[in-house]
Amino acid sequence: MKKLIIIFLFAGTILAQNAGNTGLSFLKVGFGPRNIAMGDLGVVESNDLTSLYYNPALLADNKSAQIFVSHNEWIQDVRSELFGASFKLFGLPFAFGLNTTSINEIEIRQKPGEALSTFNAYYFFGSLSTGFYVTEKLKAGATVRFINENLFSDEAHGWGFDLGLAYNQIFDELNLGIALRNLGSMNKLRNVETTLPTDLRVGLSYPILVKSIKTDITLVSGYQKYLDVDNNHIHLGTELLYDKFLAIRAGYVTGFEAKSFSGGLGLIWNNIKFDYAFTPFEYNLGSAHTISVSYLFN
């Protein structure tokens, strides 16, 4: 049986951990299995098109065109389809992303017993991002995002903006990333404007090459805060990439009641990447499964 709409909203609140007045919880779901498996920080170690969602400054390192397709089976019958592509224009790297998220057959009830009927909820964003080098090591980037939500008989739309910075090798091989995400506003959904879940993320990454076993190890840590609430989140993640072919990933995040650990795998074959992430949730909410395929053009 499909869950009541109140259950979905409850699940979103658990995910956001006292989400305050913010909505649009689909913007809090990660973009790309690699980042999700490594703790869903993404602001410093998104080494592909998924940086358009986390930190657009990282797009400055995209030298070739890419395409990215992902499917996310989230909790409580929530499903997301993601698409991204990058290209160069006026000598700058650009990337656009599309996200469609749906919750099907939400039951309408006025009293216990049989549901009166069902309806579907739909969410969408389309974004355009760019990143560029300011100095030899400092990168900056920005994203503009059109957002639409359609819930029962009501619909609203608005604009969101992301700003990002990244600094390579601030000490030895240590890299830094900072992003302020989901700035902007929506028009009214019936009578009330939905507030975007604006958040600040700061992250560090450190790569280690172990030549004796042909393995690249990446360590990631960082801090995240949704600006409308008091909660703070610490993200930790690691990736072991063997022979540029097989990746094993794990992550941990604090401050959320319903989730903490995540993990995943990746395969690289020529210019094609396959990635998978698994995120278990507490309170019988289920588990999330995310898969993606990406292709890098020569």
Protein backbone atom coordinates (compact mmCIF):
# COMPACT_ATOMS: atom_id res chain seq x y z
CA MET A 1 0.00 0.00 0.00
CA LYS A 2 1.27 3.43 -0.88
CA LYS A 3 2.15 5.69 2.04
CA LEU A 4 0.04 8.65 3.03
CA ILE A 5 1.32 12.04 1.99
CA ILE A 6 2.02 12.83 5.63
CA ILE A 7 4.45 9.91 5.74
CA PHE A 8 6.36 11.34 2.80
CA LEU A 9 6.57 14.74 4.45
CA PHE A 10 7.70 13.09 7.68
CA ALA A 11 10.42 11.25 5.79
CA GLY A 12 11.58 14.50 4.22
CA THR A 13 11.74 16.12 7.64
CA ILE A 14 13.83 13.28 9.01
CA LEU A 15 16.22 13.62 6.11
CA ALA A 16 16.55 17.36 6.62
CA GLN A 17 16.74 17.00 10.41
CA ASN A 18 14.39 19.71 11.60
CA ALA A 19 14.07 21.31 8.21
CA GLY A 20 12.50 24.50 9.53
CA ASN A 21 10.53 26.33 6.87
CA THR A 22 12.36 24.86 3.89
CA GLY A 23 10.81 22.54 1.33
CA LEU A 24 11.80 20.96 -1.99
CA SER A 25 13.45 18.01 -0.28
CA PHE A 26 14.35 16.51 -3.67
CA LEU A 27 17.13 19.14 -3.83
CA LYS A 28 18.70 17.49 -0.78
CA VAL A 29 19.02 14.09 -2.46
CA GLY A 30 22.53 13.51 -3.82
CA PHE A 31 23.56 13.70 -7.45
CA GLY A 32 25.62 10.75 -8.63
CA PRO A 33 26.46 7.41 -6.99
CA ARG A 34 30.15 8.22 -6.45
CA ASN A 35 29.41 11.22 -4.28
CA ILE A 36 26.51 9.55 -2.47
CA ALA A 37 28.62 6.47 -1.66
CA MET A 38 31.41 8.70 -0.26
CA GLY A 39 29.17 10.49 2.24
CA ASP A 40 27.38 12.83 -0.18
CA LEU A 41 29.65 15.85 0.33
CA GLY A 42 30.68 16.34 -3.31
CA VAL A 43 31.94 19.88 -2.90
CA VAL A 44 35.62 19.00 -3.31
CA GLU A 45 35.95 15.58 -4.94
CA SER A 46 33.31 15.59 -7.69
CA ASN A 47 35.69 14.74 -10.51
CA ASP A 48 33.05 14.53 -13.25
CA LEU A 49 29.78 16.11 -14.35
CA THR A 50 28.21 15.70 -10.90
CA SER A 51 30.11 18.82 -9.84
CA LEU A 52 27.35 20.83 -11.55
CA TYR A 53 25.15 19.90 -8.57
CA TYR A 54 27.69 20.25 -5.73
CA ASN A 55 30.31 22.83 -6.68
CA PRO A 56 30.37 24.37 -10.18
CA ALA A 57 33.94 25.61 -9.66
CA LEU A 58 35.14 22.01 -10.19
CA LEU A 59 33.88 22.17 -13.79
CA ALA A 60 36.98 24.22 -14.58
CA ASP A 61 38.92 20.94 -14.77
CA ASN A 62 36.57 19.36 -17.33
CA LYS A 63 38.70 19.22 -20.47
CA SER A 64 36.44 17.02 -22.61
CA ALA A 65 32.73 16.74 -23.28
CA GLN A 66 30.84 14.28 -21.07
CA ILE A 67 27.35 12.87 -20.69
CA PHE A 68 25.88 11.42 -17.51
CA VAL A 69 22.65 9.49 -16.82
CA SER A 70 21.51 8.33 -13.38
CA HIS A 71 18.50 6.67 -11.75
CA ASN A 72 17.75 6.91 -8.02
CA GLU A 73 15.31 4.58 -6.26
CA TRP A 74 14.90 6.53 -3.05
CA ILE A 75 12.78 5.81 0.04
CA GLN A 76 8.97 5.85 0.25
CA ASP A 77 8.42 5.31 -3.49
CA VAL A 78 10.41 8.40 -4.51
CA ARG A 79 12.22 8.07 -7.85
CA SER A 80 14.59 10.47 -9.61
CA GLU A 81 16.03 10.54 -13.10
CA LEU A 82 19.12 12.66 -13.66
CA PHE A 83 20.89 13.75 -16.82
CA GLY A 84 23.95 15.92 -17.35
CA ALA A 85 26.11 16.98 -20.29
CA SER A 86 29.12 19.24 -20.65
CA PHE A 87 30.53 21.25 -23.55
CA LYS A 88 32.83 24.18 -24.26
CA LEU A 89 31.66 27.62 -25.36
CA PHE A 90 33.76 30.78 -25.70
CA GLY A 91 36.68 28.82 -24.27
CA LEU A 92 34.83 28.04 -21.03
CA PRO A 93 33.48 24.68 -19.84
CA PHE A 94 29.70 24.62 -19.42
CA ALA A 95 27.39 21.88 -18.14
CA PHE A 96 23.65 21.53 -17.99
CA GLY A 97 21.67 19.21 -15.77
CA LEU A 98 18.11 17.91 -15.65
CA ASN A 99 16.34 16.28 -12.73
CA THR A 100 12.83 14.80 -12.62
CA THR A 101 11.58 13.41 -9.31
CA SER A 102 8.20 11.77 -8.78
CA ILE A 103 6.12 10.23 -6.01
CA ASN A 104 3.32 8.10 -7.47
CA GLU A 105 -0.09 7.07 -6.14
CA ILE A 106 -0.17 9.17 -2.98
CA GLU A 107 -3.42 8.34 -1.22
CA ILE A 108 -6.05 10.95 -0.37
CA ARG A 109 -7.95 10.24 2.85
CA GLN A 110 -10.42 12.14 4.99
CA LYS A 111 -10.96 9.33 7.51
CA PRO A 112 -9.70 5.79 8.24
CA GLY A 113 -10.63 3.18 5.67
CA GLU A 114 -10.39 3.08 1.90
CA ALA A 115 -8.58 5.94 0.18
CA LEU A 116 -10.80 8.34 -1.74
CA SER A 117 -8.34 8.50 -4.63
CA THR A 118 -4.64 8.93 -5.42
CA PHE A 119 -2.47 11.55 -7.05
CA ASN A 120 1.14 11.97 -8.17
CA ALA A 121 3.66 14.64 -7.16
CA TYR A 122 6.30 15.88 -9.61
CA TYR A 123 9.44 17.95 -9.15
CA PHE A 124 11.87 19.21 -11.79
CA PHE A 125 14.96 21.31 -12.21
CA GLY A 126 17.00 22.34 -15.21
CA SER A 127 20.39 23.97 -14.60
CA LEU A 128 23.30 25.59 -16.42
CA SER A 129 26.74 25.79 -14.80
CA THR A 130 30.24 27.00 -15.57
CA GLY A 131 33.61 27.04 -13.82
CA PHE A 132 36.90 28.77 -14.57
CA TYR A 133 40.37 29.36 -13.17
CA VAL A 134 40.91 32.67 -11.37
CA THR A 135 44.58 31.95 -10.63
CA GLU A 136 46.80 28.94 -11.22
CA LYS A 137 45.24 27.12 -8.26
CA LEU A 138 42.00 28.98 -7.48
CA LYS A 139 38.78 28.12 -9.34
CA ALA A 140 35.35 29.73 -9.23
CA GLY A 141 31.98 28.72 -10.63
CA ALA A 142 28.26 29.45 -10.68
CA THR A 143 25.00 27.63 -11.43
CA VAL A 144 21.56 28.95 -12.34
CA ARG A 145 18.67 26.53 -11.84
CA PHE A 146 15.00 26.63 -12.88
CA ILE A 147 12.81 24.70 -10.40
CA ASN A 148 9.24 23.48 -10.72
CA GLU A 149 7.01 21.65 -8.23
CA ASN A 150 3.61 20.15 -8.96
CA LEU A 151 1.65 18.80 -6.01
CA PHE A 152 -1.96 17.61 -6.46
CA SER A 153 -3.71 20.59 -8.12
CA ASP A 154 -1.07 23.19 -7.24
CA GLU A 155 2.05 24.22 -9.14
CA ALA A 156 4.90 26.64 -8.46
CA HIS A 157 8.22 27.53 -10.02
CA GLY A 158 11.27 29.62 -9.21
CA TRP A 159 15.01 30.09 -9.61
CA GLY A 160 17.95 28.81 -7.60
CA PHE A 161 21.61 29.76 -7.69
CA ASP A 162 24.85 28.08 -6.56
CA LEU A 163 28.24 29.73 -6.02
CA GLY A 164 31.45 27.76 -5.61
CA LEU A 165 35.19 28.05 -5.04
CA ALA A 166 37.92 25.42 -5.14
CA TYR A 167 41.63 25.62 -4.38
CA ASN A 168 44.11 22.99 -5.55
CA GLN A 169 46.97 21.86 -3.34
CA ILE A 170 46.62 24.32 -0.49
CA PHE A 171 49.17 22.13 1.30
CA ASP A 172 51.00 19.28 -0.39
CA GLU A 173 48.18 17.39 -2.21
CA LEU A 174 45.38 18.72 0.03
CA ASN A 175 42.48 20.29 -1.92
CA LEU A 176 39.75 22.64 -0.67
CA GLY A 177 36.19 23.21 -1.92
CA ILE A 178 33.47 25.65 -0.75
CA ALA A 179 29.95 26.06 -2.10
CA LEU A 180 26.81 27.99 -1.19
CA ARG A 181 23.88 26.15 -2.77
CA ASN A 182 20.19 26.74 -3.48
CA LEU A 183 20.02 30.47 -3.09
CA GLY A 184 16.88 31.94 -4.66
CA SER A 185 13.12 31.85 -4.29
CA MET A 186 9.87 30.27 -5.52
CA ASN A 187 6.49 31.76 -6.28
CA LYS A 188 3.49 30.71 -4.20
CA LEU A 189 2.30 27.11 -4.09
CA ARG A 190 -1.37 27.96 -3.56
CA ASN A 191 -0.90 30.42 -0.65
CA VAL A 192 2.67 30.00 0.55
CA GLU A 193 6.08 30.34 -1.09
CA THR A 194 8.27 27.28 -0.68
CA THR A 195 11.67 28.16 0.79
CA LEU A 196 14.70 26.64 -0.93
CA PRO A 197 16.97 24.47 1.28
CA THR A 198 20.01 26.77 1.14
CA ASP A 199 23.14 25.11 2.48
CA LEU A 200 26.84 25.81 2.95
CA ARG A 201 29.42 23.09 2.31
CA VAL A 202 33.17 23.12 2.97
CA GLY A 203 35.33 20.13 2.14
CA LEU A 204 38.89 18.81 1.98
CA SER A 205 40.25 15.94 -0.09
CA TYR A 206 43.60 14.19 -0.06
CA PRO A 207 44.73 11.68 -2.71
CA ILE A 208 47.24 8.91 -1.93
CA LEU A 209 48.87 6.76 -4.61
CA VAL A 210 50.04 3.29 -3.48
CA LYS A 211 52.10 2.14 -6.44
CA SER A 212 52.92 -1.27 -5.01
CA ILE A 213 49.27 -2.36 -5.29
CA LYS A 214 48.30 -0.05 -8.18
CA THR A 215 45.69 1.69 -6.02
CA ASP A 216 44.63 5.32 -5.75
CA ILE A 217 43.14 6.20 -2.36
CA THR A 218 41.06 9.36 -1.95
CA LEU A 219 40.12 10.67 1.50
CA VAL A 220 37.33 13.24 1.84
CA SER A 221 36.00 15.16 4.84
CA GLY A 222 33.83 18.21 5.20
CA TYR A 223 31.19 20.28 6.94
CA GLN A 224 27.63 21.08 5.86
CA LYS A 225 24.91 23.29 7.30
CA TYR A 226 21.40 24.12 6.10
CA LEU A 227 21.23 27.83 6.89
CA ASP A 228 17.64 27.82 8.19
CA VAL A 229 18.33 25.28 10.95
CA ASP A 230 20.78 24.79 13.81
CA ASN A 231 22.00 21.32 12.86
CA ASN A 232 25.53 20.71 11.62
CA HIS A 233 26.71 17.76 9.54
CA ILE A 234 30.17 16.23 9.25
CA HIS A 235 30.86 14.16 6.12
CA LEU A 236 33.59 11.52 5.78
CA GLY A 237 34.33 9.42 2.73
CA THR A 238 36.93 7.30 1.00
CA GLU A 239 37.52 5.67 -2.36
CA LEU A 240 39.94 2.90 -3.29
CA LEU A 241 40.50 2.80 -7.05
CA TYR A 242 42.40 -0.29 -8.20
CA ASP A 243 44.33 -0.11 -11.47
CA LYS A 244 42.06 2.71 -12.79
CA PHE A 245 39.39 0.04 -13.19
CA LEU A 246 37.55 -0.96 -9.97
CA ALA A 247 36.48 1.48 -7.26
CA ILE A 248 35.26 0.61 -3.76
CA ARG A 249 33.70 3.48 -1.78
CA ALA A 250 32.34 4.15 1.69
CA GLY A 251 30.99 7.18 3.50
CA TYR A 252 29.57 8.43 6.78
CA VAL A 253 27.58 11.55 7.68
CA THR A 254 26.53 12.83 11.10
CA GLY A 255 23.50 14.83 12.24
CA PHE A 256 20.73 12.97 10.40
CA GLU A 257 18.34 10.78 12.38
CA ALA A 258 17.55 8.36 9.57
CA LYS A 259 20.85 7.86 7.75
CA SER A 260 24.58 7.73 8.41
CA PHE A 261 26.48 5.08 6.42
CA SER A 262 26.70 4.66 2.66
CA GLY A 263 28.74 2.61 0.25
CA GLY A 264 29.17 1.75 -3.38
CA LEU A 265 31.17 0.45 -6.32
CA GLY A 266 32.45 1.78 -9.63
CA LEU A 267 33.80 0.30 -12.85
CA ILE A 268 35.80 2.16 -15.50
CA TRP A 269 36.08 0.65 -18.97
CA ASN A 270 37.81 2.83 -21.57
CA ASN A 271 35.72 6.04 -21.60
CA ILE A 272 32.67 4.54 -19.88
CA LYS A 273 32.01 4.62 -16.12
CA PHE A 274 29.43 2.56 -14.22
CA ASP A 275 28.68 3.55 -10.63
CA TYR A 276 26.39 2.29 -7.87
CA ALA A 277 25.57 3.59 -4.37
CA PHE A 278 23.62 2.08 -1.48
CA THR A 279 22.22 4.12 1.42
CA PRO A 280 20.31 2.36 4.22
CA PHE A 281 17.77 4.30 6.33
CA GLU A 282 16.45 3.76 9.86
CA TYR A 283 12.82 3.65 11.09
CA ASN A 284 11.80 1.10 8.42
CA LEU A 285 12.00 3.77 5.74
CA GLY A 286 13.86 1.39 3.44
CA SER A 287 17.06 1.82 1.45
CA ALA A 288 18.12 3.99 -1.48
CA HIS A 289 19.81 2.59 -4.60
CA THR A 290 21.49 4.85 -7.15
CA ILE A 291 23.06 3.80 -10.45
CA SER A 292 24.66 5.82 -13.24
CA VAL A 293 26.46 5.55 -16.55
CA SER A 294 28.73 8.28 -17.90
CA TYR A 295 30.78 8.66 -21.06
CA LEU A 296 33.83 10.85 -21.66
CA PHE A 297 34.43 11.97 -25.24
CA ASN A 298 38.03 12.10 -26.44
